[in-house]
Amino acid sequence: MTSSPEEWYILKQENGHCQILPASQVNQEAKESPEQWGPFTSEAEAIARRVGLIRAGKCQPM
């Protein structure tokens, strides 16, 4: 495990796909994203949430 935990976000892109990004990259991408979810405490949690968003029809599968 890393000594500094990083937060993760899900950003919906214009094409409907959802991208998982660490908090350090969100500021650059968030301006272009119509929707975002997070923060999540791990990348695994963000992946699980993205699966839920796909099932709910809010994101398109890759």
PDB file of N, CA and C in Angstrom:
ATOM      1  N   MET A   1       0.838  -1.193   0.000  1.00  0.00           N
ATOM      2  CA  MET A   1       0.000   0.000   0.000  1.00  0.00           C
ATOM      3  C   MET A   1       0.874   1.244   0.000  1.00  0.00           C
ATOM      4  N   THR A   2       0.328   2.308  -0.487  1.00  0.00           N
ATOM      5  CA  THR A   2       1.076   3.555  -0.536  1.00  0.00           C
ATOM      6  C   THR A   2       0.898   4.316   0.763  1.00  0.00           C
ATOM      7  N   SER A   3       1.850   5.192   1.051  1.00  0.00           N
ATOM      8  CA  SER A   3       1.790   5.951   2.297  1.00  0.00           C
ATOM      9  C   SER A   3       0.791   7.097   2.222  1.00  0.00           C
ATOM     10  N   SER A   4       0.523   7.610   1.024  1.00  0.00           N
ATOM     11  CA  SER A   4      -0.446   8.696   0.891  1.00  0.00           C
ATOM     12  C   SER A   4      -1.635   8.217   0.061  1.00  0.00           C
ATOM     13  N   PRO A   5      -2.776   8.044   0.696  1.00  0.00           N
ATOM     14  CA  PRO A   5      -3.938   7.557  -0.056  1.00  0.00           C
ATOM     15  C   PRO A   5      -4.397   8.586  -1.078  1.00  0.00           C
ATOM     16  N   GLU A   6      -4.787   8.108  -2.221  1.00  0.00           N
ATOM     17  CA  GLU A   6      -5.234   9.003  -3.288  1.00  0.00           C
ATOM     18  C   GLU A   6      -6.724   8.792  -3.510  1.00  0.00           C
ATOM     19  N   GLU A   7      -7.415   9.872  -3.799  1.00  0.00           N
ATOM     20  CA  GLU A   7      -8.835   9.782  -4.097  1.00  0.00           C
ATOM     21  C   GLU A   7      -9.010   9.598  -5.596  1.00  0.00           C
ATOM     22  N   TRP A   8     -10.093   8.929  -5.970  1.00  0.00           N
ATOM     23  CA  TRP A   8     -10.385   8.633  -7.366  1.00  0.00           C
ATOM     24  C   TRP A   8     -11.753   9.176  -7.729  1.00  0.00           C
ATOM     25  N   TYR A   9     -11.914   9.585  -8.974  1.00  0.00           N
ATOM     26  CA  TYR A   9     -13.170  10.140  -9.475  1.00  0.00           C
ATOM     27  C   TYR A   9     -13.557   9.439 -10.770  1.00  0.00           C
ATOM     28  N   ILE A  10     -14.853   9.438 -11.052  1.00  0.00           N
ATOM     29  CA  ILE A  10     -15.366   8.949 -12.325  1.00  0.00           C
ATOM     30  C   ILE A  10     -15.880  10.166 -13.084  1.00  0.00           C
ATOM     31  N   LEU A  11     -15.385  10.359 -14.288  1.00  0.00           N
ATOM     32  CA  LEU A  11     -15.809  11.483 -15.127  1.00  0.00           C
ATOM     33  C   LEU A  11     -16.484  10.951 -16.382  1.00  0.00           C
ATOM     34  N   LYS A  12     -17.664  11.464 -16.672  1.00  0.00           N
ATOM     35  CA  LYS A  12     -18.374  11.067 -17.885  1.00  0.00           C
ATOM     36  C   LYS A  12     -17.883  11.921 -19.041  1.00  0.00           C
ATOM     37  N   GLN A  13     -17.483  11.260 -20.115  1.00  0.00           N
ATOM     38  CA  GLN A  13     -17.000  11.956 -21.299  1.00  0.00           C
ATOM     39  C   GLN A  13     -18.165  12.257 -22.234  1.00  0.00           C
ATOM     40  N   GLU A  14     -17.930  13.095 -23.222  1.00  0.00           N
ATOM     41  CA  GLU A  14     -18.978  13.486 -24.170  1.00  0.00           C
ATOM     42  C   GLU A  14     -19.550  12.305 -24.941  1.00  0.00           C
ATOM     43  N   ASN A  15     -18.738  11.275 -25.169  1.00  0.00           N
ATOM     44  CA  ASN A  15     -19.207  10.106 -25.920  1.00  0.00           C
ATOM     45  C   ASN A  15     -19.986   9.118 -25.048  1.00  0.00           C
ATOM     46  N   GLY A  16     -20.165   9.434 -23.759  1.00  0.00           N
ATOM     47  CA  GLY A  16     -20.944   8.589 -22.863  1.00  0.00           C
ATOM     48  C   GLY A  16     -20.129   7.613 -22.044  1.00  0.00           C
ATOM     49  N   HIS A  17     -18.857   7.439 -22.383  1.00  0.00           N
ATOM     50  CA  HIS A  17     -17.991   6.555 -21.613  1.00  0.00           C
ATOM     51  C   HIS A  17     -17.567   7.258 -20.329  1.00  0.00           C
ATOM     52  N   CYS A  18     -17.339   6.465 -19.281  1.00  0.00           N
ATOM     53  CA  CYS A  18     -16.886   7.030 -18.015  1.00  0.00           C
ATOM     54  C   CYS A  18     -15.433   6.640 -17.778  1.00  0.00           C
ATOM     55  N   GLN A  19     -14.651   7.623 -17.412  1.00  0.00           N
ATOM     56  CA  GLN A  19     -13.216   7.447 -17.212  1.00  0.00           C
ATOM     57  C   GLN A  19     -12.913   7.578 -15.729  1.00  0.00           C
ATOM     58  N   ILE A  20     -12.035   6.714 -15.222  1.00  0.00           N
ATOM     59  CA  ILE A  20     -11.608   6.774 -13.828  1.00  0.00           C
ATOM     60  C   ILE A  20     -10.262   7.481 -13.778  1.00  0.00           C
ATOM     61  N   LEU A  21     -10.192   8.531 -12.957  1.00  0.00           N
ATOM     62  CA  LEU A  21      -8.963   9.318 -12.847  1.00  0.00           C
ATOM     63  C   LEU A  21      -8.623   9.577 -11.389  1.00  0.00           C
ATOM     64  N   PRO A  22      -7.318   9.659 -11.079  1.00  0.00           N
ATOM     65  CA  PRO A  22      -6.928  10.082  -9.732  1.00  0.00           C
ATOM     66  C   PRO A  22      -7.223  11.564  -9.545  1.00  0.00           C
ATOM     67  N   ALA A  23      -7.356  11.977  -8.307  1.00  0.00           N
ATOM     68  CA  ALA A  23      -7.707  13.366  -7.993  1.00  0.00           C
ATOM     69  C   ALA A  23      -6.719  14.349  -8.610  1.00  0.00           C
ATOM     70  N   SER A  24      -5.460  13.959  -8.739  1.00  0.00           N
ATOM     71  CA  SER A  24      -4.447  14.859  -9.289  1.00  0.00           C
ATOM     72  C   SER A  24      -4.719  15.230 -10.749  1.00  0.00           C
ATOM     73  N   GLN A  25      -5.484  14.416 -11.472  1.00  0.00           N
ATOM     74  CA  GLN A  25      -5.783  14.691 -12.879  1.00  0.00           C
ATOM     75  C   GLN A  25      -7.192  15.234 -13.093  1.00  0.00           C
ATOM     76  N   VAL A  26      -8.000  15.255 -12.055  1.00  0.00           N
ATOM     77  CA  VAL A  26      -9.402  15.648 -12.209  1.00  0.00           C
ATOM     78  C   VAL A  26      -9.553  17.118 -12.554  1.00  0.00           C
ATOM     79  N   ASN A  27      -8.765  17.991 -11.981  1.00  0.00           N
ATOM     80  CA  ASN A  27      -8.920  19.425 -12.228  1.00  0.00           C
ATOM     81  C   ASN A  27      -8.820  19.763 -13.704  1.00  0.00           C
ATOM     82  N   GLN A  28      -7.927  19.091 -14.413  1.00  0.00           N
ATOM     83  CA  GLN A  28      -7.749  19.357 -15.838  1.00  0.00           C
ATOM     84  C   GLN A  28      -8.933  18.836 -16.639  1.00  0.00           C
ATOM     85  N   GLU A  29      -9.450  17.673 -16.291  1.00  0.00           N
ATOM     86  CA  GLU A  29     -10.502  17.017 -17.065  1.00  0.00           C
ATOM     87  C   GLU A  29     -11.906  17.456 -16.658  1.00  0.00           C
ATOM     88  N   ALA A  30     -12.093  17.908 -15.423  1.00  0.00           N
ATOM     89  CA  ALA A  30     -13.433  18.176 -14.895  1.00  0.00           C
ATOM     90  C   ALA A  30     -14.158  19.276 -15.659  1.00  0.00           C
ATOM     91  N   LYS A  31     -13.437  20.224 -16.196  1.00  0.00           N
ATOM     92  CA  LYS A  31     -14.068  21.321 -16.929  1.00  0.00           C
ATOM     93  C   LYS A  31     -14.767  20.828 -18.190  1.00  0.00           C
ATOM     94  N   GLU A  32     -14.260  19.736 -18.764  1.00  0.00           N
ATOM     95  CA  GLU A  32     -14.813  19.202 -19.998  1.00  0.00           C
ATOM     96  C   GLU A  32     -15.869  18.130 -19.743  1.00  0.00           C
ATOM     97  N   SER A  33     -16.010  17.679 -18.505  1.00  0.00           N
ATOM     98  CA  SER A  33     -16.902  16.578 -18.183  1.00  0.00           C
ATOM     99  C   SER A  33     -18.274  17.078 -17.747  1.00  0.00           C
ATOM    100  N   PRO A  34     -19.345  16.595 -18.398  1.00  0.00           N
ATOM    101  CA  PRO A  34     -20.682  17.031 -18.000  1.00  0.00           C
ATOM    102  C   PRO A  34     -21.106  16.482 -16.640  1.00  0.00           C
ATOM    103  N   GLU A  35     -20.620  15.298 -16.262  1.00  0.00           N
ATOM    104  CA  GLU A  35     -20.962  14.697 -14.972  1.00  0.00           C
ATOM    105  C   GLU A  35     -19.721  14.069 -14.365  1.00  0.00           C
ATOM    106  N   GLN A  36     -19.700  14.035 -13.019  1.00  0.00           N
ATOM    107  CA  GLN A  36     -18.622  13.338 -12.329  1.00  0.00           C
ATOM    108  C   GLN A  36     -19.139  12.784 -11.014  1.00  0.00           C
ATOM    109  N   TRP A  37     -18.492  11.707 -10.565  1.00  0.00           N
ATOM    110  CA  TRP A  37     -18.845  11.070  -9.309  1.00  0.00           C
ATOM    111  C   TRP A  37     -17.572  10.850  -8.509  1.00  0.00           C
ATOM    112  N   GLY A  38     -17.673  10.946  -7.205  1.00  0.00           N
ATOM    113  CA  GLY A  38     -16.517  10.722  -6.343  1.00  0.00           C
ATOM    114  C   GLY A  38     -16.461  11.768  -5.269  1.00  0.00           C
ATOM    115  N   PRO A  39     -15.496  11.749  -4.434  1.00  0.00           N
ATOM    116  CA  PRO A  39     -14.281  10.927  -4.477  1.00  0.00           C
ATOM    117  C   PRO A  39     -14.504   9.527  -3.913  1.00  0.00           C
ATOM    118  N   PHE A  40     -13.702   8.593  -4.396  1.00  0.00           N
ATOM    119  CA  PHE A  40     -13.689   7.229  -3.895  1.00  0.00           C
ATOM    120  C   PHE A  40     -12.315   6.979  -3.290  1.00  0.00           C
ATOM    121  N   THR A  41     -12.265   6.123  -2.282  1.00  0.00           N
ATOM    122  CA  THR A  41     -11.019   5.923  -1.537  1.00  0.00           C
ATOM    123  C   THR A  41     -10.017   5.025  -2.249  1.00  0.00           C
ATOM    124  N   SER A  42     -10.475   4.258  -3.231  1.00  0.00           N
ATOM    125  CA  SER A  42      -9.547   3.398  -3.965  1.00  0.00           C
ATOM    126  C   SER A  42      -9.988   3.283  -5.421  1.00  0.00           C
ATOM    127  N   GLU A  43      -9.060   2.886  -6.249  1.00  0.00           N
ATOM    128  CA  GLU A  43      -9.383   2.688  -7.662  1.00  0.00           C
ATOM    129  C   GLU A  43     -10.370   1.535  -7.813  1.00  0.00           C
ATOM    130  N   ALA A  44     -10.225   0.503  -6.974  1.00  0.00           N
ATOM    131  CA  ALA A  44     -11.137  -0.640  -7.030  1.00  0.00           C
ATOM    132  C   ALA A  44     -12.570  -0.218  -6.730  1.00  0.00           C
ATOM    133  N   GLU A  45     -12.754   0.660  -5.753  1.00  0.00           N
ATOM    134  CA  GLU A  45     -14.095   1.155  -5.439  1.00  0.00           C
ATOM    135  C   GLU A  45     -14.660   1.955  -6.615  1.00  0.00           C
ATOM    136  N   ALA A  46     -13.824   2.766  -7.252  1.00  0.00           N
ATOM    137  CA  ALA A  46     -14.267   3.554  -8.404  1.00  0.00           C
ATOM    138  C   ALA A  46     -14.671   2.640  -9.560  1.00  0.00           C
ATOM    139  N   ILE A  47     -13.932   1.562  -9.762  1.00  0.00           N
ATOM    140  CA  ILE A  47     -14.272   0.608 -10.822  1.00  0.00           C
ATOM    141  C   ILE A  47     -15.623  -0.038 -10.535  1.00  0.00           C
ATOM    142  N   ALA A  48     -15.832  -0.432  -9.283  1.00  0.00           N
ATOM    143  CA  ALA A  48     -17.112  -1.039  -8.907  1.00  0.00           C
ATOM    144  C   ALA A  48     -18.262  -0.059  -9.112  1.00  0.00           C
ATOM    145  N   ARG A  49     -18.049   1.194  -8.774  1.00  0.00           N
ATOM    146  CA  ARG A  49     -19.094   2.207  -8.970  1.00  0.00           C
ATOM    147  C   ARG A  49     -19.366   2.445 -10.450  1.00  0.00           C
ATOM    148  N   ARG A  50     -18.307   2.408 -11.261  1.00  0.00           N
ATOM    149  CA  ARG A  50     -18.492   2.592 -12.707  1.00  0.00           C
ATOM    150  C   ARG A  50     -19.340   1.460 -13.280  1.00  0.00           C
ATOM    151  N   VAL A  51     -19.127   0.238 -12.802  1.00  0.00           N
ATOM    152  CA  VAL A  51     -19.954  -0.894 -13.239  1.00  0.00           C
ATOM    153  C   VAL A  51     -21.418  -0.620 -12.903  1.00  0.00           C
ATOM    154  N   GLY A  52     -21.666  -0.089 -11.702  1.00  0.00           N
ATOM    155  CA  GLY A  52     -23.030   0.262 -11.314  1.00  0.00           C
ATOM    156  C   GLY A  52     -23.621   1.346 -12.198  1.00  0.00           C
ATOM    157  N   LEU A  53     -22.813   2.326 -12.565  1.00  0.00           N
ATOM    158  CA  LEU A  53     -23.282   3.399 -13.448  1.00  0.00           C
ATOM    159  C   LEU A  53     -23.606   2.868 -14.845  1.00  0.00           C
ATOM    160  N   ILE A  54     -22.816   1.908 -15.310  1.00  0.00           N
ATOM    161  CA  ILE A  54     -23.088   1.290 -16.611  1.00  0.00           C
ATOM    162  C   ILE A  54     -24.408   0.529 -16.544  1.00  0.00           C
ATOM    163  N   ARG A  55     -24.602  -0.233 -15.476  1.00  0.00           N
ATOM    164  CA  ARG A  55     -25.845  -1.000 -15.318  1.00  0.00           C
ATOM    165  C   ARG A  55     -27.057  -0.088 -15.193  1.00  0.00           C
ATOM    166  N   ALA A  56     -26.865   1.083 -14.593  1.00  0.00           N
ATOM    167  CA  ALA A  56     -27.967   2.037 -14.424  1.00  0.00           C
ATOM    168  C   ALA A  56     -28.221   2.856 -15.691  1.00  0.00           C
ATOM    169  N   GLY A  57     -27.373   2.680 -16.705  1.00  0.00           N
ATOM    170  CA  GLY A  57     -27.553   3.396 -17.961  1.00  0.00           C
ATOM    171  C   GLY A  57     -26.979   4.798 -17.970  1.00  0.00           C
ATOM    172  N   LYS A  58     -26.185   5.151 -16.962  1.00  0.00           N
ATOM    173  CA  LYS A  58     -25.607   6.492 -16.909  1.00  0.00           C
ATOM    174  C   LYS A  58     -24.285   6.579 -17.655  1.00  0.00           C
ATOM    175  N   CYS A  59     -23.645   5.433 -17.897  1.00  0.00           N
ATOM    176  CA  CYS A  59     -22.382   5.379 -18.636  1.00  0.00           C
ATOM    177  C   CYS A  59     -22.467   4.271 -19.675  1.00  0.00           C
ATOM    178  N   GLN A  60     -21.726   4.442 -20.755  1.00  0.00           N
ATOM    179  CA  GLN A  60     -21.642   3.420 -21.794  1.00  0.00           C
ATOM    180  C   GLN A  60     -20.454   2.509 -21.494  1.00  0.00           C
ATOM    181  N   PRO A  61     -20.587   1.202 -21.761  1.00  0.00           N
ATOM    182  CA  PRO A  61     -19.430   0.316 -21.576  1.00  0.00           C
ATOM    183  C   PRO A  61     -18.336   0.649 -22.586  1.00  0.00           C
ATOM    184  N   MET A  62     -17.114   0.372 -22.230  1.00  0.00           N
ATOM    185  CA  MET A  62     -15.966   0.669 -23.098  1.00  0.00           C
ATOM    186  C   MET A  62     -15.905  -0.307 -24.247  1.00  0.00           C
TER     187      MET A  62
END
